[in-house]
Structures are given as C-alpha cells and as structure tokens.
Protein backbone atom coordinates (compact mmCIF):
# COMPACT_ATOMS: atom_id res chain seq x y z
CA UNK A 1 -6.51 -7.43 -12.69
CA UNK A 2 -9.66 -9.05 -15.39
CA UNK A 3 -11.90 -6.50 -14.54
CA UNK A 4 -10.26 -3.07 -15.12
CA UNK A 5 -9.08 -4.76 -18.44
CA UNK A 6 -12.90 -4.83 -19.43
CA UNK A 7 -13.73 -1.46 -18.32
CA UNK A 8 -10.91 -0.03 -19.61
CA UNK A 9 -11.16 2.77 -22.66
CA UNK A 10 -10.12 5.13 -25.25
CA UNK A 11 -11.33 8.45 -25.41
CA UNK A 12 -11.28 9.92 -28.20
CA UNK A 13 -11.63 14.51 -28.75
CA UNK A 14 -11.60 16.96 -30.67
CA UNK A 15 -11.50 20.90 -31.16
CA UNK A 16 -11.60 23.54 -33.35
CA UNK A 17 -7.86 24.24 -34.59
CA UNK A 18 -7.97 27.84 -33.84
CA UNK A 19 -9.16 30.26 -30.02
CA UNK A 20 -12.68 30.61 -28.84
CA UNK A 21 -14.12 33.80 -28.87
CA UNK A 22 -11.71 35.42 -26.16
CA UNK A 23 -14.31 37.79 -23.94
CA UNK A 24 -16.97 34.82 -23.54
CA UNK A 25 -14.42 32.28 -22.85
CA UNK A 26 -13.11 34.47 -19.88
CA UNK A 27 -16.69 34.93 -18.81
CA UNK A 28 -17.54 31.20 -18.99
CA UNK A 29 -13.88 30.18 -17.79
CA UNK A 30 -12.94 27.85 -20.71
CA UNK A 31 -9.54 30.05 -21.51
CA UNK A 32 -9.88 29.87 -24.74
CA UNK A 33 -10.18 26.49 -25.15
CA UNK A 34 -12.88 25.82 -27.82
CA UNK A 35 -15.41 22.67 -26.98
CA UNK A 36 -15.01 19.68 -28.53
CA UNK A 37 -16.23 18.88 -31.92
CA UNK A 38 -15.74 15.46 -32.64
CA UNK A 39 -15.81 12.27 -29.81
CA UNK A 40 -15.88 8.55 -29.01
CA UNK A 41 -15.35 6.36 -26.90
CA UNK A 42 -12.98 2.99 -28.02
CA UNK A 43 -13.82 -0.26 -25.76
CA UNK A 44 -10.34 -2.55 -24.42
CA UNK A 45 -8.38 -1.06 -27.23
CA UNK A 46 -4.91 -2.63 -28.08
CA UNK A 47 -1.91 -0.54 -29.49
CA UNK A 48 -0.91 0.46 -31.88
CA UNK A 49 -5.03 1.18 -32.28
CA UNK A 50 -6.77 2.66 -35.43
CA UNK A 51 -9.95 4.33 -35.52
CA UNK A 52 -12.35 6.59 -37.55
CA UNK A 53 -14.17 9.58 -35.95
CA UNK A 54 -17.18 10.12 -38.54
CA UNK A 55 -20.07 12.53 -39.22
CA UNK A 56 -23.05 12.63 -37.73
CA UNK A 57 -22.07 9.78 -35.63
CA UNK A 58 -19.49 11.13 -33.33
CA UNK A 59 -20.08 15.24 -33.65
CA UNK A 60 -20.49 16.74 -29.94
CA UNK A 61 -23.60 18.47 -29.30
CA UNK A 62 -20.69 22.29 -30.31
CA UNK A 63 -19.78 19.85 -33.29
CA UNK A 64 -23.43 19.69 -34.34
CA UNK A 65 -24.26 23.42 -34.34
CA UNK A 66 -20.66 24.13 -36.53
CA UNK A 67 -21.29 21.68 -38.77
CA UNK A 68 -24.88 22.71 -39.46
CA UNK A 69 -23.41 26.52 -39.98
CA UNK A 70 -20.72 25.50 -42.72
CA UNK A 71 -22.84 24.52 -45.27
CA UNK A 72 -19.29 23.89 -47.00
CA UNK A 73 -19.48 20.46 -44.54
CA UNK A 74 -19.59 17.38 -46.06
CA UNK A 75 -21.82 15.14 -43.51
CA UNK A 76 -19.71 11.72 -45.09
CA UNK A 77 -15.95 13.22 -43.24
CA UNK A 78 -13.88 10.45 -42.24
CA UNK A 79 -11.31 11.40 -39.57
CA UNK A 80 -8.87 8.89 -39.23
CA UNK A 81 -5.68 8.81 -36.74
CA UNK A 82 -2.93 5.67 -35.44
CA UNK A 83 -2.20 5.61 -32.13
CA UNK A 84 1.64 4.13 -31.66
CA UNK A 85 2.67 2.85 -28.08
C-alpha cells in the first residue's frame, strides 16, 4: 500500500545512561527511566540507515534544560548511529 509507505517514519530518542532521581521517579510513575534528551523523526527510511542527532536542533525540552545546566556541553555535538536491518 503506497499510502502506508509514504507515511512511514523512524523515530529516534536518546536518554541519559544513568538512573533518574529514584524518589521523584516513584512519585511521578516513570520507574526511574529518565526522559529523552534528544529526539528526531526520519521519514521513509531505507535500511541500512544512517542519521545524525544534532544539538540544539534535536534537543527535547528536558534535554535543553540539562544542556543549559551543564556548561561543559558543546552546542555543536553530533551523534551518529547506523541502523542495520
């Protein structure tokens, strides 16, 4: 079906590799899983697929808060990842 192919998308999110604030996570119901700090949508990917997540373009509101608090983070950081079918 052509209509399902034209609306296909790959959604990518990145989370910090550390547990969230456990007491706050229990109260909020997130189970300690930190919110994504980067997110992107890529339309009609074909695999293998390569992409980049850029700062500040792909920052989530939570990621923007973390970045503004961390003065050592460069605004030109690029993350690359190749996905293979």
